[in-house]
Amino acid sequence: LAGRGYIHLAAPALQQIVGWTGEQ
């Protein structure tokens, strides 16, 4: 974000950062 201003995140990467269960 500091460099190019955006980032594309695949679902596993976002889930790792944010965290959610399948039920949630």
PDBML (XML) file of the C-alpha atoms, coordinates in Angstrom:
<?xml version="1.0" encoding="UTF-8" ?>
<PDBx:datablock datablockName="MODEL"
   xmlns:PDBx="http://pdbml.pdb.org/schema/pdbx-v50.xsd"
   xmlns:xsi="http://www.w3.org/2001/XMLSchema-instance"
   xsi:schemaLocation="http://pdbml.pdb.org/schema/pdbx-v50.xsd pdbx-v50.xsd">
   <PDBx:atom_siteCategory>
      <PDBx:atom_site id="1">
         <PDBx:B_iso_or_equiv>0.00</PDBx:B_iso_or_equiv>
         <PDBx:Cartn_x>0.000</PDBx:Cartn_x>
         <PDBx:Cartn_y>0.000</PDBx:Cartn_y>
         <PDBx:Cartn_z>0.000</PDBx:Cartn_z>
         <PDBx:auth_asym_id>A</PDBx:auth_asym_id>
         <PDBx:auth_atom_id>CA</PDBx:auth_atom_id>
         <PDBx:auth_comp_id>LEU</PDBx:auth_comp_id>
         <PDBx:auth_seq_id>1</PDBx:auth_seq_id>
         <PDBx:group_PDB>ATOM</PDBx:group_PDB>
         <PDBx:label_alt_id xsi:nil="true" />
         <PDBx:label_asym_id>A</PDBx:label_asym_id>
         <PDBx:label_atom_id>CA</PDBx:label_atom_id>
         <PDBx:label_comp_id>LEU</PDBx:label_comp_id>
         <PDBx:label_entity_id>1</PDBx:label_entity_id>
         <PDBx:label_seq_id>1</PDBx:label_seq_id>
         <PDBx:occupancy>1.00</PDBx:occupancy>
         <PDBx:pdbx_PDB_model_num>1</PDBx:pdbx_PDB_model_num>
         <PDBx:type_symbol>C</PDBx:type_symbol>
      </PDBx:atom_site>
      <PDBx:atom_site id="2">
         <PDBx:B_iso_or_equiv>0.00</PDBx:B_iso_or_equiv>
         <PDBx:Cartn_x>2.833</PDBx:Cartn_x>
         <PDBx:Cartn_y>2.389</PDBx:Cartn_y>
         <PDBx:Cartn_z>0.786</PDBx:Cartn_z>
         <PDBx:auth_asym_id>A</PDBx:auth_asym_id>
         <PDBx:auth_atom_id>CA</PDBx:auth_atom_id>
         <PDBx:auth_comp_id>ALA</PDBx:auth_comp_id>
         <PDBx:auth_seq_id>2</PDBx:auth_seq_id>
         <PDBx:group_PDB>ATOM</PDBx:group_PDB>
         <PDBx:label_alt_id xsi:nil="true" />
         <PDBx:label_asym_id>A</PDBx:label_asym_id>
         <PDBx:label_atom_id>CA</PDBx:label_atom_id>
         <PDBx:label_comp_id>ALA</PDBx:label_comp_id>
         <PDBx:label_entity_id>1</PDBx:label_entity_id>
         <PDBx:label_seq_id>2</PDBx:label_seq_id>
         <PDBx:occupancy>1.00</PDBx:occupancy>
         <PDBx:pdbx_PDB_model_num>1</PDBx:pdbx_PDB_model_num>
         <PDBx:type_symbol>C</PDBx:type_symbol>
      </PDBx:atom_site>
      <PDBx:atom_site id="3">
         <PDBx:B_iso_or_equiv>0.00</PDBx:B_iso_or_equiv>
         <PDBx:Cartn_x>4.509</PDBx:Cartn_x>
         <PDBx:Cartn_y>1.532</PDBx:Cartn_y>
         <PDBx:Cartn_z>-2.516</PDBx:Cartn_z>
         <PDBx:auth_asym_id>A</PDBx:auth_asym_id>
         <PDBx:auth_atom_id>CA</PDBx:auth_atom_id>
         <PDBx:auth_comp_id>GLY</PDBx:auth_comp_id>
         <PDBx:auth_seq_id>3</PDBx:auth_seq_id>
         <PDBx:group_PDB>ATOM</PDBx:group_PDB>
         <PDBx:label_alt_id xsi:nil="true" />
         <PDBx:label_asym_id>A</PDBx:label_asym_id>
         <PDBx:label_atom_id>CA</PDBx:label_atom_id>
         <PDBx:label_comp_id>GLY</PDBx:label_comp_id>
         <PDBx:label_entity_id>1</PDBx:label_entity_id>
         <PDBx:label_seq_id>3</PDBx:label_seq_id>
         <PDBx:occupancy>1.00</PDBx:occupancy>
         <PDBx:pdbx_PDB_model_num>1</PDBx:pdbx_PDB_model_num>
         <PDBx:type_symbol>C</PDBx:type_symbol>
      </PDBx:atom_site>
      <PDBx:atom_site id="4">
         <PDBx:B_iso_or_equiv>0.00</PDBx:B_iso_or_equiv>
         <PDBx:Cartn_x>2.053</PDBx:Cartn_x>
         <PDBx:Cartn_y>1.055</PDBx:Cartn_y>
         <PDBx:Cartn_z>-5.363</PDBx:Cartn_z>
         <PDBx:auth_asym_id>A</PDBx:auth_asym_id>
         <PDBx:auth_atom_id>CA</PDBx:auth_atom_id>
         <PDBx:auth_comp_id>ARG</PDBx:auth_comp_id>
         <PDBx:auth_seq_id>4</PDBx:auth_seq_id>
         <PDBx:group_PDB>ATOM</PDBx:group_PDB>
         <PDBx:label_alt_id xsi:nil="true" />
         <PDBx:label_asym_id>A</PDBx:label_asym_id>
         <PDBx:label_atom_id>CA</PDBx:label_atom_id>
         <PDBx:label_comp_id>ARG</PDBx:label_comp_id>
         <PDBx:label_entity_id>1</PDBx:label_entity_id>
         <PDBx:label_seq_id>4</PDBx:label_seq_id>
         <PDBx:occupancy>1.00</PDBx:occupancy>
         <PDBx:pdbx_PDB_model_num>1</PDBx:pdbx_PDB_model_num>
         <PDBx:type_symbol>C</PDBx:type_symbol>
      </PDBx:atom_site>
      <PDBx:atom_site id="5">
         <PDBx:B_iso_or_equiv>0.00</PDBx:B_iso_or_equiv>
         <PDBx:Cartn_x>-1.127</PDBx:Cartn_x>
         <PDBx:Cartn_y>1.992</PDBx:Cartn_y>
         <PDBx:Cartn_z>-3.499</PDBx:Cartn_z>
         <PDBx:auth_asym_id>A</PDBx:auth_asym_id>
         <PDBx:auth_atom_id>CA</PDBx:auth_atom_id>
         <PDBx:auth_comp_id>GLY</PDBx:auth_comp_id>
         <PDBx:auth_seq_id>5</PDBx:auth_seq_id>
         <PDBx:group_PDB>ATOM</PDBx:group_PDB>
         <PDBx:label_alt_id xsi:nil="true" />
         <PDBx:label_asym_id>A</PDBx:label_asym_id>
         <PDBx:label_atom_id>CA</PDBx:label_atom_id>
         <PDBx:label_comp_id>GLY</PDBx:label_comp_id>
         <PDBx:label_entity_id>1</PDBx:label_entity_id>
         <PDBx:label_seq_id>5</PDBx:label_seq_id>
         <PDBx:occupancy>1.00</PDBx:occupancy>
         <PDBx:pdbx_PDB_model_num>1</PDBx:pdbx_PDB_model_num>
         <PDBx:type_symbol>C</PDBx:type_symbol>
      </PDBx:atom_site>
      <PDBx:atom_site id="6">
         <PDBx:B_iso_or_equiv>0.00</PDBx:B_iso_or_equiv>
         <PDBx:Cartn_x>-3.092</PDBx:Cartn_x>
         <PDBx:Cartn_y>-1.266</PDBx:Cartn_y>
         <PDBx:Cartn_z>-3.801</PDBx:Cartn_z>
         <PDBx:auth_asym_id>A</PDBx:auth_asym_id>
         <PDBx:auth_atom_id>CA</PDBx:auth_atom_id>
         <PDBx:auth_comp_id>TYR</PDBx:auth_comp_id>
         <PDBx:auth_seq_id>6</PDBx:auth_seq_id>
         <PDBx:group_PDB>ATOM</PDBx:group_PDB>
         <PDBx:label_alt_id xsi:nil="true" />
         <PDBx:label_asym_id>A</PDBx:label_asym_id>
         <PDBx:label_atom_id>CA</PDBx:label_atom_id>
         <PDBx:label_comp_id>TYR</PDBx:label_comp_id>
         <PDBx:label_entity_id>1</PDBx:label_entity_id>
         <PDBx:label_seq_id>6</PDBx:label_seq_id>
         <PDBx:occupancy>1.00</PDBx:occupancy>
         <PDBx:pdbx_PDB_model_num>1</PDBx:pdbx_PDB_model_num>
         <PDBx:type_symbol>C</PDBx:type_symbol>
      </PDBx:atom_site>
      <PDBx:atom_site id="7">
         <PDBx:B_iso_or_equiv>0.00</PDBx:B_iso_or_equiv>
         <PDBx:Cartn_x>-2.912</PDBx:Cartn_x>
         <PDBx:Cartn_y>-4.988</PDBx:Cartn_y>
         <PDBx:Cartn_z>-3.177</PDBx:Cartn_z>
         <PDBx:auth_asym_id>A</PDBx:auth_asym_id>
         <PDBx:auth_atom_id>CA</PDBx:auth_atom_id>
         <PDBx:auth_comp_id>ILE</PDBx:auth_comp_id>
         <PDBx:auth_seq_id>7</PDBx:auth_seq_id>
         <PDBx:group_PDB>ATOM</PDBx:group_PDB>
         <PDBx:label_alt_id xsi:nil="true" />
         <PDBx:label_asym_id>A</PDBx:label_asym_id>
         <PDBx:label_atom_id>CA</PDBx:label_atom_id>
         <PDBx:label_comp_id>ILE</PDBx:label_comp_id>
         <PDBx:label_entity_id>1</PDBx:label_entity_id>
         <PDBx:label_seq_id>7</PDBx:label_seq_id>
         <PDBx:occupancy>1.00</PDBx:occupancy>
         <PDBx:pdbx_PDB_model_num>1</PDBx:pdbx_PDB_model_num>
         <PDBx:type_symbol>C</PDBx:type_symbol>
      </PDBx:atom_site>
      <PDBx:atom_site id="8">
         <PDBx:B_iso_or_equiv>0.00</PDBx:B_iso_or_equiv>
         <PDBx:Cartn_x>-4.912</PDBx:Cartn_x>
         <PDBx:Cartn_y>-7.935</PDBx:Cartn_y>
         <PDBx:Cartn_z>-4.536</PDBx:Cartn_z>
         <PDBx:auth_asym_id>A</PDBx:auth_asym_id>
         <PDBx:auth_atom_id>CA</PDBx:auth_atom_id>
         <PDBx:auth_comp_id>HIS</PDBx:auth_comp_id>
         <PDBx:auth_seq_id>8</PDBx:auth_seq_id>
         <PDBx:group_PDB>ATOM</PDBx:group_PDB>
         <PDBx:label_alt_id xsi:nil="true" />
         <PDBx:label_asym_id>A</PDBx:label_asym_id>
         <PDBx:label_atom_id>CA</PDBx:label_atom_id>
         <PDBx:label_comp_id>HIS</PDBx:label_comp_id>
         <PDBx:label_entity_id>1</PDBx:label_entity_id>
         <PDBx:label_seq_id>8</PDBx:label_seq_id>
         <PDBx:occupancy>1.00</PDBx:occupancy>
         <PDBx:pdbx_PDB_model_num>1</PDBx:pdbx_PDB_model_num>
         <PDBx:type_symbol>C</PDBx:type_symbol>
      </PDBx:atom_site>
      <PDBx:atom_site id="9">
         <PDBx:B_iso_or_equiv>0.00</PDBx:B_iso_or_equiv>
         <PDBx:Cartn_x>-5.492</PDBx:Cartn_x>
         <PDBx:Cartn_y>-10.542</PDBx:Cartn_y>
         <PDBx:Cartn_z>-1.825</PDBx:Cartn_z>
         <PDBx:auth_asym_id>A</PDBx:auth_asym_id>
         <PDBx:auth_atom_id>CA</PDBx:auth_atom_id>
         <PDBx:auth_comp_id>LEU</PDBx:auth_comp_id>
         <PDBx:auth_seq_id>9</PDBx:auth_seq_id>
         <PDBx:group_PDB>ATOM</PDBx:group_PDB>
         <PDBx:label_alt_id xsi:nil="true" />
         <PDBx:label_asym_id>A</PDBx:label_asym_id>
         <PDBx:label_atom_id>CA</PDBx:label_atom_id>
         <PDBx:label_comp_id>LEU</PDBx:label_comp_id>
         <PDBx:label_entity_id>1</PDBx:label_entity_id>
         <PDBx:label_seq_id>9</PDBx:label_seq_id>
         <PDBx:occupancy>1.00</PDBx:occupancy>
         <PDBx:pdbx_PDB_model_num>1</PDBx:pdbx_PDB_model_num>
         <PDBx:type_symbol>C</PDBx:type_symbol>
      </PDBx:atom_site>
      <PDBx:atom_site id="10">
         <PDBx:B_iso_or_equiv>0.00</PDBx:B_iso_or_equiv>
         <PDBx:Cartn_x>-6.625</PDBx:Cartn_x>
         <PDBx:Cartn_y>-14.115</PDBx:Cartn_y>
         <PDBx:Cartn_z>-2.415</PDBx:Cartn_z>
         <PDBx:auth_asym_id>A</PDBx:auth_asym_id>
         <PDBx:auth_atom_id>CA</PDBx:auth_atom_id>
         <PDBx:auth_comp_id>ALA</PDBx:auth_comp_id>
         <PDBx:auth_seq_id>10</PDBx:auth_seq_id>
         <PDBx:group_PDB>ATOM</PDBx:group_PDB>
         <PDBx:label_alt_id xsi:nil="true" />
         <PDBx:label_asym_id>A</PDBx:label_asym_id>
         <PDBx:label_atom_id>CA</PDBx:label_atom_id>
         <PDBx:label_comp_id>ALA</PDBx:label_comp_id>
         <PDBx:label_entity_id>1</PDBx:label_entity_id>
         <PDBx:label_seq_id>10</PDBx:label_seq_id>
         <PDBx:occupancy>1.00</PDBx:occupancy>
         <PDBx:pdbx_PDB_model_num>1</PDBx:pdbx_PDB_model_num>
         <PDBx:type_symbol>C</PDBx:type_symbol>
      </PDBx:atom_site>
      <PDBx:atom_site id="11">
         <PDBx:B_iso_or_equiv>0.00</PDBx:B_iso_or_equiv>
         <PDBx:Cartn_x>-9.194</PDBx:Cartn_x>
         <PDBx:Cartn_y>-15.422</PDBx:Cartn_y>
         <PDBx:Cartn_z>0.056</PDBx:Cartn_z>
         <PDBx:auth_asym_id>A</PDBx:auth_asym_id>
         <PDBx:auth_atom_id>CA</PDBx:auth_atom_id>
         <PDBx:auth_comp_id>ALA</PDBx:auth_comp_id>
         <PDBx:auth_seq_id>11</PDBx:auth_seq_id>
         <PDBx:group_PDB>ATOM</PDBx:group_PDB>
         <PDBx:label_alt_id xsi:nil="true" />
         <PDBx:label_asym_id>A</PDBx:label_asym_id>
         <PDBx:label_atom_id>CA</PDBx:label_atom_id>
         <PDBx:label_comp_id>ALA</PDBx:label_comp_id>
         <PDBx:label_entity_id>1</PDBx:label_entity_id>
         <PDBx:label_seq_id>11</PDBx:label_seq_id>
         <PDBx:occupancy>1.00</PDBx:occupancy>
         <PDBx:pdbx_PDB_model_num>1</PDBx:pdbx_PDB_model_num>
         <PDBx:type_symbol>C</PDBx:type_symbol>
      </PDBx:atom_site>
      <PDBx:atom_site id="12">
         <PDBx:B_iso_or_equiv>0.00</PDBx:B_iso_or_equiv>
         <PDBx:Cartn_x>-6.740</PDBx:Cartn_x>
         <PDBx:Cartn_y>-17.500</PDBx:Cartn_y>
         <PDBx:Cartn_z>2.132</PDBx:Cartn_z>
         <PDBx:auth_asym_id>A</PDBx:auth_asym_id>
         <PDBx:auth_atom_id>CA</PDBx:auth_atom_id>
         <PDBx:auth_comp_id>PRO</PDBx:auth_comp_id>
         <PDBx:auth_seq_id>12</PDBx:auth_seq_id>
         <PDBx:group_PDB>ATOM</PDBx:group_PDB>
         <PDBx:label_alt_id xsi:nil="true" />
         <PDBx:label_asym_id>A</PDBx:label_asym_id>
         <PDBx:label_atom_id>CA</PDBx:label_atom_id>
         <PDBx:label_comp_id>PRO</PDBx:label_comp_id>
         <PDBx:label_entity_id>1</PDBx:label_entity_id>
         <PDBx:label_seq_id>12</PDBx:label_seq_id>
         <PDBx:occupancy>1.00</PDBx:occupancy>
         <PDBx:pdbx_PDB_model_num>1</PDBx:pdbx_PDB_model_num>
         <PDBx:type_symbol>C</PDBx:type_symbol>
      </PDBx:atom_site>
      <PDBx:atom_site id="13">
         <PDBx:B_iso_or_equiv>0.00</PDBx:B_iso_or_equiv>
         <PDBx:Cartn_x>-4.511</PDBx:Cartn_x>
         <PDBx:Cartn_y>-14.455</PDBx:Cartn_y>
         <PDBx:Cartn_z>2.626</PDBx:Cartn_z>
         <PDBx:auth_asym_id>A</PDBx:auth_asym_id>
         <PDBx:auth_atom_id>CA</PDBx:auth_atom_id>
         <PDBx:auth_comp_id>ALA</PDBx:auth_comp_id>
         <PDBx:auth_seq_id>13</PDBx:auth_seq_id>
         <PDBx:group_PDB>ATOM</PDBx:group_PDB>
         <PDBx:label_alt_id xsi:nil="true" />
         <PDBx:label_asym_id>A</PDBx:label_asym_id>
         <PDBx:label_atom_id>CA</PDBx:label_atom_id>
         <PDBx:label_comp_id>ALA</PDBx:label_comp_id>
         <PDBx:label_entity_id>1</PDBx:label_entity_id>
         <PDBx:label_seq_id>13</PDBx:label_seq_id>
         <PDBx:occupancy>1.00</PDBx:occupancy>
         <PDBx:pdbx_PDB_model_num>1</PDBx:pdbx_PDB_model_num>
         <PDBx:type_symbol>C</PDBx:type_symbol>
      </PDBx:atom_site>
      <PDBx:atom_site id="14">
         <PDBx:B_iso_or_equiv>0.00</PDBx:B_iso_or_equiv>
         <PDBx:Cartn_x>-7.384</PDBx:Cartn_x>
         <PDBx:Cartn_y>-12.223</PDBx:Cartn_y>
         <PDBx:Cartn_z>3.698</PDBx:Cartn_z>
         <PDBx:auth_asym_id>A</PDBx:auth_asym_id>
         <PDBx:auth_atom_id>CA</PDBx:auth_atom_id>
         <PDBx:auth_comp_id>LEU</PDBx:auth_comp_id>
         <PDBx:auth_seq_id>14</PDBx:auth_seq_id>
         <PDBx:group_PDB>ATOM</PDBx:group_PDB>
         <PDBx:label_alt_id xsi:nil="true" />
         <PDBx:label_asym_id>A</PDBx:label_asym_id>
         <PDBx:label_atom_id>CA</PDBx:label_atom_id>
         <PDBx:label_comp_id>LEU</PDBx:label_comp_id>
         <PDBx:label_entity_id>1</PDBx:label_entity_id>
         <PDBx:label_seq_id>14</PDBx:label_seq_id>
         <PDBx:occupancy>1.00</PDBx:occupancy>
         <PDBx:pdbx_PDB_model_num>1</PDBx:pdbx_PDB_model_num>
         <PDBx:type_symbol>C</PDBx:type_symbol>
      </PDBx:atom_site>
      <PDBx:atom_site id="15">
         <PDBx:B_iso_or_equiv>0.00</PDBx:B_iso_or_equiv>
         <PDBx:Cartn_x>-8.794</PDBx:Cartn_x>
         <PDBx:Cartn_y>-14.909</PDBx:Cartn_y>
         <PDBx:Cartn_z>5.968</PDBx:Cartn_z>
         <PDBx:auth_asym_id>A</PDBx:auth_asym_id>
         <PDBx:auth_atom_id>CA</PDBx:auth_atom_id>
         <PDBx:auth_comp_id>GLN</PDBx:auth_comp_id>
         <PDBx:auth_seq_id>15</PDBx:auth_seq_id>
         <PDBx:group_PDB>ATOM</PDBx:group_PDB>
         <PDBx:label_alt_id xsi:nil="true" />
         <PDBx:label_asym_id>A</PDBx:label_asym_id>
         <PDBx:label_atom_id>CA</PDBx:label_atom_id>
         <PDBx:label_comp_id>GLN</PDBx:label_comp_id>
         <PDBx:label_entity_id>1</PDBx:label_entity_id>
         <PDBx:label_seq_id>15</PDBx:label_seq_id>
         <PDBx:occupancy>1.00</PDBx:occupancy>
         <PDBx:pdbx_PDB_model_num>1</PDBx:pdbx_PDB_model_num>
         <PDBx:type_symbol>C</PDBx:type_symbol>
      </PDBx:atom_site>
      <PDBx:atom_site id="16">
         <PDBx:B_iso_or_equiv>0.00</PDBx:B_iso_or_equiv>
         <PDBx:Cartn_x>-5.371</PDBx:Cartn_x>
         <PDBx:Cartn_y>-15.236</PDBx:Cartn_y>
         <PDBx:Cartn_z>7.571</PDBx:Cartn_z>
         <PDBx:auth_asym_id>A</PDBx:auth_asym_id>
         <PDBx:auth_atom_id>CA</PDBx:auth_atom_id>
         <PDBx:auth_comp_id>GLN</PDBx:auth_comp_id>
         <PDBx:auth_seq_id>16</PDBx:auth_seq_id>
         <PDBx:group_PDB>ATOM</PDBx:group_PDB>
         <PDBx:label_alt_id xsi:nil="true" />
         <PDBx:label_asym_id>A</PDBx:label_asym_id>
         <PDBx:label_atom_id>CA</PDBx:label_atom_id>
         <PDBx:label_comp_id>GLN</PDBx:label_comp_id>
         <PDBx:label_entity_id>1</PDBx:label_entity_id>
         <PDBx:label_seq_id>16</PDBx:label_seq_id>
         <PDBx:occupancy>1.00</PDBx:occupancy>
         <PDBx:pdbx_PDB_model_num>1</PDBx:pdbx_PDB_model_num>
         <PDBx:type_symbol>C</PDBx:type_symbol>
      </PDBx:atom_site>
      <PDBx:atom_site id="17">
         <PDBx:B_iso_or_equiv>0.00</PDBx:B_iso_or_equiv>
         <PDBx:Cartn_x>-5.284</PDBx:Cartn_x>
         <PDBx:Cartn_y>-11.489</PDBx:Cartn_y>
         <PDBx:Cartn_z>8.292</PDBx:Cartn_z>
         <PDBx:auth_asym_id>A</PDBx:auth_asym_id>
         <PDBx:auth_atom_id>CA</PDBx:auth_atom_id>
         <PDBx:auth_comp_id>ILE</PDBx:auth_comp_id>
         <PDBx:auth_seq_id>17</PDBx:auth_seq_id>
         <PDBx:group_PDB>ATOM</PDBx:group_PDB>
         <PDBx:label_alt_id xsi:nil="true" />
         <PDBx:label_asym_id>A</PDBx:label_asym_id>
         <PDBx:label_atom_id>CA</PDBx:label_atom_id>
         <PDBx:label_comp_id>ILE</PDBx:label_comp_id>
         <PDBx:label_entity_id>1</PDBx:label_entity_id>
         <PDBx:label_seq_id>17</PDBx:label_seq_id>
         <PDBx:occupancy>1.00</PDBx:occupancy>
         <PDBx:pdbx_PDB_model_num>1</PDBx:pdbx_PDB_model_num>
         <PDBx:type_symbol>C</PDBx:type_symbol>
      </PDBx:atom_site>
      <PDBx:atom_site id="18">
         <PDBx:B_iso_or_equiv>0.00</PDBx:B_iso_or_equiv>
         <PDBx:Cartn_x>-8.924</PDBx:Cartn_x>
         <PDBx:Cartn_y>-10.944</PDBx:Cartn_y>
         <PDBx:Cartn_z>9.281</PDBx:Cartn_z>
         <PDBx:auth_asym_id>A</PDBx:auth_asym_id>
         <PDBx:auth_atom_id>CA</PDBx:auth_atom_id>
         <PDBx:auth_comp_id>VAL</PDBx:auth_comp_id>
         <PDBx:auth_seq_id>18</PDBx:auth_seq_id>
         <PDBx:group_PDB>ATOM</PDBx:group_PDB>
         <PDBx:label_alt_id xsi:nil="true" />
         <PDBx:label_asym_id>A</PDBx:label_asym_id>
         <PDBx:label_atom_id>CA</PDBx:label_atom_id>
         <PDBx:label_comp_id>VAL</PDBx:label_comp_id>
         <PDBx:label_entity_id>1</PDBx:label_entity_id>
         <PDBx:label_seq_id>18</PDBx:label_seq_id>
         <PDBx:occupancy>1.00</PDBx:occupancy>
         <PDBx:pdbx_PDB_model_num>1</PDBx:pdbx_PDB_model_num>
         <PDBx:type_symbol>C</PDBx:type_symbol>
      </PDBx:atom_site>
      <PDBx:atom_site id="19">
         <PDBx:B_iso_or_equiv>0.00</PDBx:B_iso_or_equiv>
         <PDBx:Cartn_x>-9.880</PDBx:Cartn_x>
         <PDBx:Cartn_y>-14.395</PDBx:Cartn_y>
         <PDBx:Cartn_z>10.521</PDBx:Cartn_z>
         <PDBx:auth_asym_id>A</PDBx:auth_asym_id>
         <PDBx:auth_atom_id>CA</PDBx:auth_atom_id>
         <PDBx:auth_comp_id>GLY</PDBx:auth_comp_id>
         <PDBx:auth_seq_id>19</PDBx:auth_seq_id>
         <PDBx:group_PDB>ATOM</PDBx:group_PDB>
         <PDBx:label_alt_id xsi:nil="true" />
         <PDBx:label_asym_id>A</PDBx:label_asym_id>
         <PDBx:label_atom_id>CA</PDBx:label_atom_id>
         <PDBx:label_comp_id>GLY</PDBx:label_comp_id>
         <PDBx:label_entity_id>1</PDBx:label_entity_id>
         <PDBx:label_seq_id>19</PDBx:label_seq_id>
         <PDBx:occupancy>1.00</PDBx:occupancy>
         <PDBx:pdbx_PDB_model_num>1</PDBx:pdbx_PDB_model_num>
         <PDBx:type_symbol>C</PDBx:type_symbol>
      </PDBx:atom_site>
      <PDBx:atom_site id="20">
         <PDBx:B_iso_or_equiv>0.00</PDBx:B_iso_or_equiv>
         <PDBx:Cartn_x>-13.276</PDBx:Cartn_x>
         <PDBx:Cartn_y>-16.073</PDBx:Cartn_y>
         <PDBx:Cartn_z>10.150</PDBx:Cartn_z>
         <PDBx:auth_asym_id>A</PDBx:auth_asym_id>
         <PDBx:auth_atom_id>CA</PDBx:auth_atom_id>
         <PDBx:auth_comp_id>TRP</PDBx:auth_comp_id>
         <PDBx:auth_seq_id>20</PDBx:auth_seq_id>
         <PDBx:group_PDB>ATOM</PDBx:group_PDB>
         <PDBx:label_alt_id xsi:nil="true" />
         <PDBx:label_asym_id>A</PDBx:label_asym_id>
         <PDBx:label_atom_id>CA</PDBx:label_atom_id>
         <PDBx:label_comp_id>TRP</PDBx:label_comp_id>
         <PDBx:label_entity_id>1</PDBx:label_entity_id>
         <PDBx:label_seq_id>20</PDBx:label_seq_id>
         <PDBx:occupancy>1.00</PDBx:occupancy>
         <PDBx:pdbx_PDB_model_num>1</PDBx:pdbx_PDB_model_num>
         <PDBx:type_symbol>C</PDBx:type_symbol>
      </PDBx:atom_site>
      <PDBx:atom_site id="21">
         <PDBx:B_iso_or_equiv>0.00</PDBx:B_iso_or_equiv>
         <PDBx:Cartn_x>-14.735</PDBx:Cartn_x>
         <PDBx:Cartn_y>-19.552</PDBx:Cartn_y>
         <PDBx:Cartn_z>10.425</PDBx:Cartn_z>
         <PDBx:auth_asym_id>A</PDBx:auth_asym_id>
         <PDBx:auth_atom_id>CA</PDBx:auth_atom_id>
         <PDBx:auth_comp_id>THR</PDBx:auth_comp_id>
         <PDBx:auth_seq_id>21</PDBx:auth_seq_id>
         <PDBx:group_PDB>ATOM</PDBx:group_PDB>
         <PDBx:label_alt_id xsi:nil="true" />
         <PDBx:label_asym_id>A</PDBx:label_asym_id>
         <PDBx:label_atom_id>CA</PDBx:label_atom_id>
         <PDBx:label_comp_id>THR</PDBx:label_comp_id>
         <PDBx:label_entity_id>1</PDBx:label_entity_id>
         <PDBx:label_seq_id>21</PDBx:label_seq_id>
         <PDBx:occupancy>1.00</PDBx:occupancy>
         <PDBx:pdbx_PDB_model_num>1</PDBx:pdbx_PDB_model_num>
         <PDBx:type_symbol>C</PDBx:type_symbol>
      </PDBx:atom_site>
      <PDBx:atom_site id="22">
         <PDBx:B_iso_or_equiv>0.00</PDBx:B_iso_or_equiv>
         <PDBx:Cartn_x>-16.718</PDBx:Cartn_x>
         <PDBx:Cartn_y>-21.313</PDBx:Cartn_y>
         <PDBx:Cartn_z>7.739</PDBx:Cartn_z>
         <PDBx:auth_asym_id>A</PDBx:auth_asym_id>
         <PDBx:auth_atom_id>CA</PDBx:auth_atom_id>
         <PDBx:auth_comp_id>GLY</PDBx:auth_comp_id>
         <PDBx:auth_seq_id>22</PDBx:auth_seq_id>
         <PDBx:group_PDB>ATOM</PDBx:group_PDB>
         <PDBx:label_alt_id xsi:nil="true" />
         <PDBx:label_asym_id>A</PDBx:label_asym_id>
         <PDBx:label_atom_id>CA</PDBx:label_atom_id>
         <PDBx:label_comp_id>GLY</PDBx:label_comp_id>
         <PDBx:label_entity_id>1</PDBx:label_entity_id>
         <PDBx:label_seq_id>22</PDBx:label_seq_id>
         <PDBx:occupancy>1.00</PDBx:occupancy>
         <PDBx:pdbx_PDB_model_num>1</PDBx:pdbx_PDB_model_num>
         <PDBx:type_symbol>C</PDBx:type_symbol>
      </PDBx:atom_site>
      <PDBx:atom_site id="23">
         <PDBx:B_iso_or_equiv>0.00</PDBx:B_iso_or_equiv>
         <PDBx:Cartn_x>-19.865</PDBx:Cartn_x>
         <PDBx:Cartn_y>-21.036</PDBx:Cartn_y>
         <PDBx:Cartn_z>9.832</PDBx:Cartn_z>
         <PDBx:auth_asym_id>A</PDBx:auth_asym_id>
         <PDBx:auth_atom_id>CA</PDBx:auth_atom_id>
         <PDBx:auth_comp_id>GLU</PDBx:auth_comp_id>
         <PDBx:auth_seq_id>23</PDBx:auth_seq_id>
         <PDBx:group_PDB>ATOM</PDBx:group_PDB>
         <PDBx:label_alt_id xsi:nil="true" />
         <PDBx:label_asym_id>A</PDBx:label_asym_id>
         <PDBx:label_atom_id>CA</PDBx:label_atom_id>
         <PDBx:label_comp_id>GLU</PDBx:label_comp_id>
         <PDBx:label_entity_id>1</PDBx:label_entity_id>
         <PDBx:label_seq_id>23</PDBx:label_seq_id>
         <PDBx:occupancy>1.00</PDBx:occupancy>
         <PDBx:pdbx_PDB_model_num>1</PDBx:pdbx_PDB_model_num>
         <PDBx:type_symbol>C</PDBx:type_symbol>
      </PDBx:atom_site>
      <PDBx:atom_site id="24">
         <PDBx:B_iso_or_equiv>0.00</PDBx:B_iso_or_equiv>
         <PDBx:Cartn_x>-19.371</PDBx:Cartn_x>
         <PDBx:Cartn_y>-17.301</PDBx:Cartn_y>
         <PDBx:Cartn_z>10.357</PDBx:Cartn_z>
         <PDBx:auth_asym_id>A</PDBx:auth_asym_id>
         <PDBx:auth_atom_id>CA</PDBx:auth_atom_id>
         <PDBx:auth_comp_id>GLN</PDBx:auth_comp_id>
         <PDBx:auth_seq_id>24</PDBx:auth_seq_id>
         <PDBx:group_PDB>ATOM</PDBx:group_PDB>
         <PDBx:label_alt_id xsi:nil="true" />
         <PDBx:label_asym_id>A</PDBx:label_asym_id>
         <PDBx:label_atom_id>CA</PDBx:label_atom_id>
         <PDBx:label_comp_id>GLN</PDBx:label_comp_id>
         <PDBx:label_entity_id>1</PDBx:label_entity_id>
         <PDBx:label_seq_id>24</PDBx:label_seq_id>
         <PDBx:occupancy>1.00</PDBx:occupancy>
         <PDBx:pdbx_PDB_model_num>1</PDBx:pdbx_PDB_model_num>
         <PDBx:type_symbol>C</PDBx:type_symbol>
      </PDBx:atom_site>
   </PDBx:atom_siteCategory>
</PDBx:datablock>
